Amino acid sequence: TDFGEFKMIGYESPGSTEPHLALCKGGVGDLDADGKVIQQDEPILIRVHSECLTGDLFHSQRCECGSQLVKAMEAIEKEGKGALIYLRQEGRGIGLANKLKAYKLQEQGLDTVDANLALGFQPDKRDYGIGAQICRDLGLKNVRILTNNPKKISGVEGYGINIVEQLSLKVKPVIHNKKYLQTKKSRFGHLLDEDV
């Protein structure tokens, strides 16, 4: 897939060893002659995407993350303007090593939530306020957000970003992620199709 050209901006966050990223297109994040970010008044298409090494890079079928990343970048490319905000929050915020431990527990029958709880973590430790702060730094005030996650919407709005529209980012379930998607729908309230 050809996503076209994006400008990449890195952001450091206290407590994180890896930078968060903003992949911007169509003037989002550009600076004016005085070095100040150009404010975008119209609603801008965005995706706030949490890192998923297994899905994003290795195309794991245990989740839909990699497919959602591709669909979001395609949508922003088609729009010609927007931003993909890539947050370094692997494994719902528990890190890669613990995510792999959670996978092992899922193989023994636990769902995503119960696996995280069994390891002593919250069901979802991700912080979407970081994504909202990045939006503000990019000059975004009004956004059209690509997400199925209602928690993400409230997390972004809580920082003064106006969500004008929520656009579903659904992918076709496969046999390996059906239980995972059912858990997201029933326990996290994700907006997914009826057949999940």
N, C-alpha and C. Protein backbone atom coordinates (compact mmCIF):
# COMPACT_ATOMS: atom_id res chain seq x y z
N THR A 1 0.85 -1.18 0.00
CA THR A 1 0.00 0.00 0.00
C THR A 1 0.89 1.24 0.00
N ASP A 2 0.53 2.22 -0.83
CA ASP A 2 1.27 3.48 -0.89
C ASP A 2 0.50 4.52 -0.09
N PHE A 3 1.11 4.95 1.01
CA PHE A 3 0.45 5.94 1.86
C PHE A 3 0.82 7.36 1.48
N GLY A 4 1.66 7.55 0.47
CA GLY A 4 2.10 8.88 0.12
C GLY A 4 3.13 9.38 1.10
N GLU A 5 3.28 10.69 1.16
CA GLU A 5 4.29 11.30 2.04
C GLU A 5 3.64 11.88 3.29
N PHE A 6 4.27 11.63 4.41
CA PHE A 6 3.85 12.18 5.70
C PHE A 6 5.06 12.84 6.34
N LYS A 7 4.83 13.89 7.11
CA LYS A 7 5.89 14.50 7.91
C LYS A 7 5.82 13.88 9.30
N MET A 8 6.97 13.43 9.84
CA MET A 8 7.00 12.79 11.14
C MET A 8 7.56 13.77 12.18
N ILE A 9 6.82 13.88 13.30
CA ILE A 9 7.24 14.71 14.42
C ILE A 9 7.29 13.83 15.66
N GLY A 10 8.39 13.89 16.40
CA GLY A 10 8.55 13.09 17.61
C GLY A 10 8.24 13.90 18.86
N TYR A 11 7.68 13.22 19.87
CA TYR A 11 7.33 13.85 21.14
C TYR A 11 7.85 13.00 22.28
N GLU A 12 8.56 13.63 23.20
CA GLU A 12 9.00 12.94 24.41
C GLU A 12 7.93 13.10 25.47
N SER A 13 7.81 12.07 26.31
CA SER A 13 6.82 12.10 27.37
C SER A 13 7.48 11.64 28.67
N PRO A 14 7.23 12.32 29.79
CA PRO A 14 7.81 11.88 31.06
C PRO A 14 7.44 10.43 31.35
N GLY A 15 8.43 9.65 31.75
CA GLY A 15 8.18 8.25 32.09
C GLY A 15 8.23 7.30 30.91
N SER A 16 8.38 7.81 29.71
CA SER A 16 8.44 6.96 28.53
C SER A 16 9.85 6.99 27.95
N THR A 17 10.34 5.81 27.59
CA THR A 17 11.69 5.76 27.01
C THR A 17 11.67 5.92 25.50
N GLU A 18 10.51 5.77 24.89
CA GLU A 18 10.37 5.89 23.44
C GLU A 18 9.52 7.10 23.09
N PRO A 19 9.85 7.79 22.00
CA PRO A 19 9.04 8.96 21.63
C PRO A 19 7.70 8.56 21.01
N HIS A 20 6.69 9.35 21.31
CA HIS A 20 5.43 9.24 20.59
C HIS A 20 5.65 9.92 19.24
N LEU A 21 4.84 9.58 18.26
CA LEU A 21 5.03 10.13 16.92
C LEU A 21 3.73 10.73 16.40
N ALA A 22 3.88 11.75 15.58
CA ALA A 22 2.75 12.28 14.82
C ALA A 22 3.16 12.22 13.35
N LEU A 23 2.38 11.51 12.56
CA LEU A 23 2.59 11.45 11.11
C LEU A 23 1.56 12.39 10.50
N CYS A 24 2.04 13.48 9.92
CA CYS A 24 1.17 14.58 9.51
C CYS A 24 1.17 14.76 7.99
N LYS A 25 0.03 15.21 7.48
CA LYS A 25 -0.14 15.40 6.05
C LYS A 25 -0.96 16.67 5.80
N GLY A 26 -0.68 17.33 4.69
CA GLY A 26 -1.50 18.45 4.24
C GLY A 26 -1.35 19.73 5.05
N GLY A 27 -0.18 19.95 5.61
CA GLY A 27 0.06 21.18 6.35
C GLY A 27 -0.15 21.07 7.85
N VAL A 28 -0.68 19.96 8.33
CA VAL A 28 -0.86 19.77 9.77
C VAL A 28 0.52 19.74 10.44
N GLY A 29 0.69 20.55 11.48
CA GLY A 29 1.96 20.61 12.19
C GLY A 29 2.98 21.55 11.58
N ASP A 30 2.64 22.18 10.46
CA ASP A 30 3.57 23.12 9.82
C ASP A 30 3.70 24.39 10.66
N LEU A 31 4.83 25.07 10.49
CA LEU A 31 5.09 26.30 11.21
C LEU A 31 4.97 27.51 10.28
N ASP A 32 4.58 28.65 10.86
CA ASP A 32 4.52 29.89 10.08
C ASP A 32 5.91 30.53 10.04
N ALA A 33 6.01 31.72 9.46
CA ALA A 33 7.30 32.42 9.30
C ALA A 33 7.93 32.76 10.65
N ASP A 34 7.13 32.86 11.70
CA ASP A 34 7.65 33.17 13.04
C ASP A 34 7.99 31.92 13.84
N GLY A 35 7.83 30.75 13.23
CA GLY A 35 8.15 29.50 13.92
C GLY A 35 7.04 28.99 14.82
N LYS A 36 5.84 29.53 14.67
CA LYS A 36 4.69 29.08 15.47
C LYS A 36 3.83 28.14 14.63
N VAL A 37 3.26 27.14 15.30
CA VAL A 37 2.44 26.17 14.58
C VAL A 37 1.22 26.86 13.97
N ILE A 38 0.90 26.49 12.76
CA ILE A 38 -0.26 27.04 12.07
C ILE A 38 -1.51 26.38 12.63
N GLN A 39 -2.43 27.19 13.12
CA GLN A 39 -3.67 26.68 13.71
C GLN A 39 -4.61 26.21 12.60
N GLN A 40 -5.18 25.05 12.80
CA GLN A 40 -6.12 24.46 11.84
C GLN A 40 -7.53 24.63 12.40
N ASP A 41 -8.33 25.47 11.79
CA ASP A 41 -9.68 25.72 12.29
C ASP A 41 -10.69 24.68 11.82
N GLU A 42 -10.52 24.18 10.59
CA GLU A 42 -11.49 23.20 10.08
C GLU A 42 -11.26 21.84 10.74
N PRO A 43 -12.28 20.99 10.76
CA PRO A 43 -12.13 19.65 11.34
C PRO A 43 -11.11 18.82 10.55
N ILE A 44 -10.13 18.26 11.27
CA ILE A 44 -9.05 17.49 10.67
C ILE A 44 -9.21 16.02 11.01
N LEU A 45 -9.01 15.16 10.02
CA LEU A 45 -9.09 13.71 10.21
C LEU A 45 -7.87 13.22 10.99
N ILE A 46 -8.11 12.51 12.10
CA ILE A 46 -7.01 11.97 12.90
C ILE A 46 -7.28 10.53 13.30
N ARG A 47 -6.21 9.85 13.65
CA ARG A 47 -6.27 8.54 14.31
C ARG A 47 -5.28 8.61 15.47
N VAL A 48 -5.73 8.30 16.68
CA VAL A 48 -4.86 8.16 17.82
C VAL A 48 -4.67 6.66 18.00
N HIS A 49 -3.48 6.17 17.66
CA HIS A 49 -3.22 4.73 17.58
C HIS A 49 -2.17 4.34 18.61
N SER A 50 -2.51 3.38 19.47
CA SER A 50 -1.55 2.89 20.44
C SER A 50 -0.70 1.80 19.82
N GLU A 51 0.59 1.88 20.07
CA GLU A 51 1.56 0.93 19.53
C GLU A 51 1.12 -0.51 19.80
N CYS A 52 1.28 -1.35 18.78
CA CYS A 52 1.05 -2.79 18.89
C CYS A 52 2.08 -3.47 17.99
N LEU A 53 3.25 -3.75 18.55
CA LEU A 53 4.33 -4.34 17.76
C LEU A 53 3.87 -5.61 17.05
N THR A 54 3.17 -6.47 17.77
CA THR A 54 2.76 -7.75 17.17
C THR A 54 1.78 -7.54 16.02
N GLY A 55 0.88 -6.58 16.14
CA GLY A 55 -0.10 -6.33 15.08
C GLY A 55 0.41 -5.38 14.00
N ASP A 56 1.03 -4.28 14.42
CA ASP A 56 1.46 -3.25 13.47
C ASP A 56 2.60 -3.72 12.58
N LEU A 57 3.57 -4.41 13.17
CA LEU A 57 4.75 -4.80 12.42
C LEU A 57 4.69 -6.25 11.93
N PHE A 58 4.25 -7.15 12.82
CA PHE A 58 4.27 -8.58 12.47
C PHE A 58 2.92 -9.09 11.98
N HIS A 59 1.92 -8.21 11.88
CA HIS A 59 0.60 -8.53 11.32
C HIS A 59 -0.08 -9.69 12.03
N SER A 60 0.04 -9.72 13.35
CA SER A 60 -0.63 -10.74 14.15
C SER A 60 -2.13 -10.70 13.87
N GLN A 61 -2.74 -11.85 13.82
CA GLN A 61 -4.19 -11.93 13.63
C GLN A 61 -4.93 -12.06 14.96
N ARG A 62 -4.21 -11.93 16.07
CA ARG A 62 -4.85 -11.98 17.38
C ARG A 62 -5.57 -10.67 17.70
N CYS A 63 -5.27 -9.63 16.93
CA CYS A 63 -5.90 -8.34 17.12
C CYS A 63 -6.19 -7.75 15.74
N GLU A 64 -6.71 -6.54 15.71
CA GLU A 64 -6.98 -5.86 14.44
C GLU A 64 -6.13 -4.61 14.29
N CYS A 65 -5.13 -4.46 15.15
CA CYS A 65 -4.34 -3.22 15.20
C CYS A 65 -3.63 -2.89 13.89
N GLY A 66 -2.93 -3.87 13.32
CA GLY A 66 -2.21 -3.61 12.08
C GLY A 66 -3.15 -3.20 10.95
N SER A 67 -4.28 -3.88 10.85
CA SER A 67 -5.26 -3.54 9.81
C SER A 67 -5.83 -2.14 10.03
N GLN A 68 -6.08 -1.80 11.29
CA GLN A 68 -6.59 -0.46 11.58
C GLN A 68 -5.56 0.62 11.26
N LEU A 69 -4.30 0.35 11.54
CA LEU A 69 -3.24 1.29 11.22
C LEU A 69 -3.19 1.56 9.71
N VAL A 70 -3.24 0.49 8.93
CA VAL A 70 -3.22 0.63 7.47
C VAL A 70 -4.44 1.40 6.98
N LYS A 71 -5.63 1.02 7.46
CA LYS A 71 -6.86 1.70 7.02
C LYS A 71 -6.83 3.19 7.39
N ALA A 72 -6.30 3.51 8.57
CA ALA A 72 -6.23 4.92 8.99
C ALA A 72 -5.30 5.71 8.09
N MET A 73 -4.14 5.14 7.79
CA MET A 73 -3.20 5.85 6.93
C MET A 73 -3.76 6.01 5.52
N GLU A 74 -4.46 5.00 5.04
CA GLU A 74 -5.11 5.10 3.72
C GLU A 74 -6.16 6.21 3.73
N ALA A 75 -6.95 6.29 4.81
CA ALA A 75 -8.00 7.31 4.90
C ALA A 75 -7.40 8.71 4.93
N ILE A 76 -6.32 8.89 5.69
CA ILE A 76 -5.67 10.20 5.77
C ILE A 76 -5.05 10.56 4.42
N GLU A 77 -4.44 9.58 3.76
CA GLU A 77 -3.87 9.83 2.43
C GLU A 77 -4.97 10.24 1.46
N LYS A 78 -6.09 9.54 1.49
CA LYS A 78 -7.21 9.86 0.59
C LYS A 78 -7.75 11.26 0.87
N GLU A 79 -7.83 11.61 2.15
CA GLU A 79 -8.31 12.93 2.57
C GLU A 79 -7.35 14.03 2.11
N GLY A 80 -6.05 13.71 2.09
CA GLY A 80 -5.04 14.68 1.71
C GLY A 80 -4.56 15.56 2.84
N LYS A 81 -5.17 15.37 4.02
CA LYS A 81 -4.82 16.19 5.19
C LYS A 81 -5.23 15.43 6.44
N GLY A 82 -4.36 15.46 7.44
CA GLY A 82 -4.70 14.79 8.69
C GLY A 82 -3.46 14.41 9.47
N ALA A 83 -3.68 13.63 10.53
CA ALA A 83 -2.57 13.20 11.38
C ALA A 83 -2.87 11.85 11.99
N LEU A 84 -1.86 11.01 11.99
CA LEU A 84 -1.90 9.75 12.72
C LEU A 84 -0.97 9.93 13.92
N ILE A 85 -1.54 9.86 15.10
CA ILE A 85 -0.78 10.04 16.33
C ILE A 85 -0.50 8.65 16.90
N TYR A 86 0.78 8.29 16.92
CA TYR A 86 1.21 6.94 17.29
C TYR A 86 1.79 6.99 18.70
N LEU A 87 1.01 6.45 19.66
CA LEU A 87 1.38 6.49 21.07
C LEU A 87 2.10 5.21 21.46
N ARG A 88 3.21 5.34 22.16
CA ARG A 88 4.01 4.20 22.57
C ARG A 88 3.43 3.63 23.86
N GLN A 89 2.33 2.90 23.73
CA GLN A 89 1.61 2.32 24.86
C GLN A 89 1.33 0.84 24.59
N GLU A 90 2.37 0.10 24.33
CA GLU A 90 2.26 -1.31 23.96
C GLU A 90 1.44 -2.10 24.98
N GLY A 91 0.62 -3.01 24.47
CA GLY A 91 -0.12 -3.93 25.32
C GLY A 91 -1.10 -3.26 26.26
N ARG A 92 -1.87 -2.32 25.73
CA ARG A 92 -2.81 -1.54 26.55
C ARG A 92 -2.11 -0.86 27.72
N GLY A 93 -0.84 -0.50 27.47
CA GLY A 93 -0.06 0.24 28.47
C GLY A 93 0.76 -0.63 29.41
N ILE A 94 0.80 -1.96 29.23
CA ILE A 94 1.53 -2.83 30.16
C ILE A 94 2.91 -3.23 29.63
N GLY A 95 3.22 -2.89 28.39
CA GLY A 95 4.53 -3.20 27.83
C GLY A 95 4.54 -4.54 27.10
N LEU A 96 5.54 -4.72 26.25
CA LEU A 96 5.61 -5.90 25.39
C LEU A 96 5.79 -7.19 26.18
N ALA A 97 6.70 -7.21 27.17
CA ALA A 97 6.93 -8.45 27.93
C ALA A 97 5.66 -8.91 28.64
N ASN A 98 4.96 -7.99 29.27
CA ASN A 98 3.72 -8.36 29.95
C ASN A 98 2.60 -8.70 28.97
N LYS A 99 2.63 -8.08 27.81
CA LYS A 99 1.65 -8.42 26.78
C LYS A 99 1.82 -9.87 26.36
N LEU A 100 3.07 -10.31 26.22
CA LEU A 100 3.32 -11.71 25.85
C LEU A 100 2.87 -12.67 26.96
N LYS A 101 3.04 -12.25 28.22
CA LYS A 101 2.52 -13.06 29.34
C LYS A 101 1.00 -13.13 29.28
N ALA A 102 0.37 -12.01 28.93
CA ALA A 102 -1.09 -11.98 28.80
C ALA A 102 -1.54 -12.89 27.66
N TYR A 103 -0.80 -12.90 26.57
CA TYR A 103 -1.10 -13.83 25.46
C TYR A 103 -1.13 -15.27 25.96
N LYS A 104 -0.15 -15.64 26.79
CA LYS A 104 -0.07 -17.01 27.32
C LYS A 104 -1.32 -17.33 28.13
N LEU A 105 -1.75 -16.39 28.95
CA LEU A 105 -2.96 -16.58 29.75
C LEU A 105 -4.20 -16.67 28.85
N GLN A 106 -4.20 -15.92 27.75
CA GLN A 106 -5.32 -16.01 26.82
C GLN A 106 -5.37 -17.38 26.15
N GLU A 107 -4.21 -17.95 25.90
CA GLU A 107 -4.17 -19.31 25.33
C GLU A 107 -4.75 -20.34 26.30
N GLN A 108 -4.74 -20.00 27.60
CA GLN A 108 -5.29 -20.89 28.63
C GLN A 108 -6.77 -20.61 28.89
N GLY A 109 -7.36 -19.69 28.11
CA GLY A 109 -8.80 -19.46 28.19
C GLY A 109 -9.25 -18.11 28.70
N LEU A 110 -8.35 -17.29 29.27
CA LEU A 110 -8.76 -15.98 29.75
C LEU A 110 -8.95 -15.02 28.57
N ASP A 111 -9.83 -14.03 28.75
CA ASP A 111 -9.94 -13.00 27.72
C ASP A 111 -8.92 -11.90 28.02
N THR A 112 -8.88 -10.89 27.19
CA THR A 112 -7.90 -9.80 27.31
C THR A 112 -7.99 -9.12 28.68
N VAL A 113 -9.18 -8.83 29.14
CA VAL A 113 -9.38 -8.14 30.41
C VAL A 113 -8.89 -9.01 31.56
N ASP A 114 -9.36 -10.26 31.62
CA ASP A 114 -9.00 -11.14 32.72
C ASP A 114 -7.51 -11.47 32.74
N ALA A 115 -6.89 -11.56 31.57
CA ALA A 115 -5.45 -11.80 31.51
C ALA A 115 -4.68 -10.64 32.13
N ASN A 116 -5.07 -9.41 31.80
CA ASN A 116 -4.40 -8.24 32.39
C ASN A 116 -4.63 -8.19 33.90
N LEU A 117 -5.85 -8.49 34.34
CA LEU A 117 -6.15 -8.49 35.77
C LEU A 117 -5.34 -9.56 36.50
N ALA A 118 -5.21 -10.73 35.89
CA ALA A 118 -4.43 -11.82 36.50
C ALA A 118 -2.97 -11.45 36.67
N LEU A 119 -2.47 -10.58 35.81
CA LEU A 119 -1.08 -10.12 35.91
C LEU A 119 -0.93 -8.93 36.85
N GLY A 120 -2.04 -8.46 37.43
CA GLY A 120 -1.99 -7.36 38.38
C GLY A 120 -2.12 -5.98 37.76
N PHE A 121 -2.62 -5.92 36.53
CA PHE A 121 -2.78 -4.65 35.84
C PHE A 121 -4.25 -4.30 35.69
N GLN A 122 -4.50 -3.02 35.41
CA GLN A 122 -5.84 -2.59 35.03
C GLN A 122 -6.17 -3.20 33.67
N PRO A 123 -7.44 -3.32 33.32
CA PRO A 123 -7.78 -3.84 32.00
C PRO A 123 -7.19 -3.01 30.86
N ASP A 124 -7.07 -1.70 31.07
CA ASP A 124 -6.53 -0.82 30.03
C ASP A 124 -5.85 0.36 30.71
N LYS A 125 -4.52 0.44 30.61
CA LYS A 125 -3.76 1.50 31.26
C LYS A 125 -3.40 2.65 30.33
N ARG A 126 -3.90 2.64 29.11
CA ARG A 126 -3.50 3.66 28.15
C ARG A 126 -3.98 5.05 28.55
N ASP A 127 -3.20 6.06 28.16
CA ASP A 127 -3.50 7.46 28.46
C ASP A 127 -3.71 8.20 27.15
N TYR A 128 -4.95 8.57 26.85
CA TYR A 128 -5.23 9.27 25.60
C TYR A 128 -5.03 10.77 25.72
N GLY A 129 -4.81 11.25 26.94
CA GLY A 129 -4.53 12.66 27.12
C GLY A 129 -3.25 13.08 26.40
N ILE A 130 -2.30 12.17 26.30
CA ILE A 130 -1.06 12.45 25.57
C ILE A 130 -1.41 12.75 24.11
N GLY A 131 -2.28 11.94 23.52
CA GLY A 131 -2.70 12.16 22.14
C GLY A 131 -3.38 13.50 21.95
N ALA A 132 -4.21 13.87 22.93
CA ALA A 132 -4.89 15.17 22.86
C ALA A 132 -3.90 16.32 22.95
N GLN A 133 -2.89 16.19 23.82
CA GLN A 133 -1.87 17.22 23.93
C GLN A 133 -1.08 17.36 22.64
N ILE A 134 -0.81 16.23 21.98
CA ILE A 134 -0.13 16.28 20.69
C ILE A 134 -1.01 16.98 19.66
N CYS A 135 -2.30 16.68 19.67
CA CYS A 135 -3.24 17.37 18.76
C CYS A 135 -3.14 18.88 18.95
N ARG A 136 -3.16 19.33 20.19
CA ARG A 136 -3.08 20.76 20.47
C ARG A 136 -1.77 21.34 19.96
N ASP A 137 -0.67 20.60 20.16
CA ASP A 137 0.63 21.08 19.70
C ASP A 137 0.68 21.17 18.17
N LEU A 138 -0.09 20.33 17.50
CA LEU A 138 -0.14 20.35 16.03
C LEU A 138 -1.06 21.44 15.49
N GLY A 139 -1.72 22.16 16.39
CA GLY A 139 -2.61 23.24 15.98
C GLY A 139 -4.02 22.78 15.68
N LEU A 140 -4.38 21.60 16.19
CA LEU A 140 -5.72 21.06 15.93
C LEU A 140 -6.67 21.44 17.06
N LYS A 141 -7.86 21.89 16.67
CA LYS A 141 -8.89 22.24 17.63
C LYS A 141 -10.12 21.36 17.43
N ASN A 142 -10.47 21.14 16.18
CA ASN A 142 -11.64 20.35 15.80
C ASN A 142 -11.16 19.15 15.01
N VAL A 143 -11.61 17.95 15.42
CA VAL A 143 -11.12 16.75 14.73
C VAL A 143 -12.27 15.83 14.37
N ARG A 144 -11.99 15.05 13.35
CA ARG A 144 -12.82 13.91 12.97
C ARG A 144 -11.96 12.70 13.29
N ILE A 145 -12.38 11.88 14.26
CA ILE A 145 -11.51 10.84 14.80
C ILE A 145 -11.90 9.45 14.28
N LEU A 146 -10.91 8.73 13.84
CA LEU A 146 -11.08 7.36 13.38
C LEU A 146 -10.91 6.43 14.59
N THR A 147 -12.00 5.91 15.13
CA THR A 147 -11.93 5.01 16.29
C THR A 147 -13.24 4.28 16.49
N ASN A 148 -13.15 3.14 17.14
CA ASN A 148 -14.33 2.39 17.60
C ASN A 148 -14.45 2.46 19.12
N ASN A 149 -13.50 3.15 19.77
CA ASN A 149 -13.35 3.12 21.21
C ASN A 149 -13.92 4.38 21.87
N PRO A 150 -15.05 4.27 22.58
CA PRO A 150 -15.64 5.45 23.23
C PRO A 150 -14.73 6.06 24.30
N LYS A 151 -13.88 5.25 24.95
CA LYS A 151 -12.96 5.78 25.96
C LYS A 151 -11.96 6.74 25.31
N LYS A 152 -11.56 6.43 24.11
CA LYS A 152 -10.61 7.29 23.40
C LYS A 152 -11.25 8.65 23.13
N ILE A 153 -12.53 8.64 22.79
CA ILE A 153 -13.23 9.90 22.50
C ILE A 153 -13.26 10.78 23.75
N SER A 154 -13.66 10.22 24.89
CA SER A 154 -13.72 11.02 26.11
C SER A 154 -12.32 11.44 26.56
N GLY A 155 -11.31 10.60 26.34
CA GLY A 155 -9.94 10.95 26.72
C GLY A 155 -9.40 12.11 25.92
N VAL A 156 -9.77 12.19 24.65
CA VAL A 156 -9.31 13.29 23.80
C VAL A 156 -10.10 14.56 24.09
N GLU A 157 -11.42 14.44 24.24
CA GLU A 157 -12.26 15.62 24.50
C GLU A 157 -11.93 16.27 25.83
N GLY A 158 -11.47 15.47 26.78
CA GLY A 158 -11.15 15.99 28.11
C GLY A 158 -10.02 17.00 28.10
N TYR A 159 -9.32 17.13 27.01
CA TYR A 159 -8.20 18.07 26.91
C TYR A 159 -8.51 19.23 25.97
N GLY A 160 -9.79 19.50 25.74
CA GLY A 160 -10.17 20.67 24.98
C GLY A 160 -10.17 20.51 23.48
N ILE A 161 -10.07 19.29 23.00
CA ILE A 161 -10.17 19.03 21.56
C ILE A 161 -11.64 18.73 21.27
N ASN A 162 -12.20 19.41 20.30
CA ASN A 162 -13.60 19.22 19.93
C ASN A 162 -13.71 18.11 18.89
N ILE A 163 -14.37 17.02 19.25
CA ILE A 163 -14.58 15.94 18.30
C ILE A 163 -15.87 16.22 17.54
N VAL A 164 -15.71 16.57 16.28
CA VAL A 164 -16.82 16.92 15.42
C VAL A 164 -17.52 15.67 14.90
N GLU A 165 -16.73 14.61 14.69
CA GLU A 165 -17.27 13.38 14.11
C GLU A 165 -16.42 12.20 14.53
N GLN A 166 -17.09 11.09 14.86
CA GLN A 166 -16.41 9.82 15.12
C GLN A 166 -16.69 8.91 13.94
N LEU A 167 -15.60 8.43 13.33
CA LEU A 167 -15.72 7.55 12.17
C LEU A 167 -15.24 6.16 12.55
N SER A 168 -16.05 5.15 12.27
CA SER A 168 -15.67 3.77 12.60
C SER A 168 -14.47 3.34 11.79
N LEU A 169 -13.68 2.50 12.40
CA LEU A 169 -12.48 1.95 11.76
C LEU A 169 -12.55 0.43 11.93
N LYS A 170 -13.55 -0.13 11.27
CA LYS A 170 -13.82 -1.56 11.44
C LYS A 170 -13.07 -2.38 10.41
N VAL A 171 -12.62 -3.54 10.86
CA VAL A 171 -11.97 -4.50 9.98
C VAL A 171 -12.71 -5.83 10.11
N LYS A 172 -12.59 -6.62 9.08
CA LYS A 172 -13.29 -7.90 9.07
C LYS A 172 -12.65 -8.86 10.08
N PRO A 173 -13.46 -9.42 10.98
CA PRO A 173 -12.89 -10.36 11.95
C PRO A 173 -12.38 -11.63 11.27
N VAL A 174 -11.35 -12.22 11.88
CA VAL A 174 -10.85 -13.52 11.44
C VAL A 174 -10.96 -14.47 12.62
N ILE A 175 -10.81 -15.74 12.37
CA ILE A 175 -11.00 -16.74 13.43
C ILE A 175 -10.10 -16.49 14.64
N HIS A 176 -8.90 -15.95 14.42
CA HIS A 176 -7.94 -15.77 15.51
C HIS A 176 -8.22 -14.55 16.39
N ASN A 177 -9.04 -13.60 15.91
CA ASN A 177 -9.29 -12.41 16.73
C ASN A 177 -10.76 -12.24 17.11
N LYS A 178 -11.59 -13.21 16.78
CA LYS A 178 -13.02 -13.07 17.06
C LYS A 178 -13.30 -12.92 18.57
N LYS A 179 -12.67 -13.75 19.41
CA LYS A 179 -12.89 -13.65 20.86
C LYS A 179 -12.36 -12.30 21.38
N TYR A 180 -11.22 -11.87 20.86
CA TYR A 180 -10.63 -10.59 21.25
C TYR A 180 -11.60 -9.45 20.93
N LEU A 181 -12.17 -9.46 19.73
CA LEU A 181 -13.10 -8.41 19.33
C LEU A 181 -14.39 -8.48 20.16
N GLN A 182 -14.86 -9.70 20.46
CA GLN A 182 -16.05 -9.84 21.30
C GLN A 182 -15.81 -9.23 22.69
N THR A 183 -14.60 -9.44 23.21
CA THR A 183 -14.24 -8.86 24.51
C THR A 183 -14.22 -7.34 24.43
N LYS A 184 -13.66 -6.80 23.38
CA LYS A 184 -13.63 -5.34 23.22
C LYS A 184 -15.04 -4.77 23.17
N LYS A 185 -15.92 -5.49 22.51
CA LYS A 185 -17.31 -5.03 22.37
C LYS A 185 -18.06 -5.15 23.70
N SER A 186 -17.98 -6.33 24.34
CA SER A 186 -18.80 -6.57 25.53
C SER A 186 -18.23 -5.94 26.80
N ARG A 187 -16.90 -5.86 26.92
CA ARG A 187 -16.31 -5.40 28.18
C ARG A 187 -15.75 -3.97 28.12
N PHE A 188 -15.46 -3.48 26.91
CA PHE A 188 -14.94 -2.12 26.77
C PHE A 188 -15.93 -1.20 26.06
N GLY A 189 -17.01 -1.76 25.49
CA GLY A 189 -18.02 -0.94 24.81
C GLY A 189 -17.63 -0.45 23.43
N HIS A 190 -16.67 -1.13 22.78
CA HIS A 190 -16.26 -0.72 21.44
C HIS A 190 -17.42 -0.85 20.47
N LEU A 191 -17.48 0.05 19.52
CA LEU A 191 -18.55 0.10 18.54
C LEU A 191 -18.17 -0.81 17.37
N LEU A 192 -18.62 -2.05 17.42
CA LEU A 192 -18.28 -3.04 16.40
C LEU A 192 -19.55 -3.61 15.77
N ASP A 193 -19.38 -4.28 14.65
CA ASP A 193 -20.51 -4.85 13.93
C ASP A 193 -21.23 -5.91 14.78
N GLU A 194 -22.48 -6.18 14.42
CA GLU A 194 -23.29 -7.15 15.13
C GLU A 194 -22.71 -8.55 15.06
N ASP A 195 -22.02 -8.89 13.95
CA ASP A 195 -21.55 -10.27 13.78
C ASP A 195 -20.28 -10.57 14.57
N VAL A 196 -19.80 -9.62 15.35
CA VAL A 196 -18.61 -9.87 16.19
C VAL A 196 -19.05 -10.53 17.47
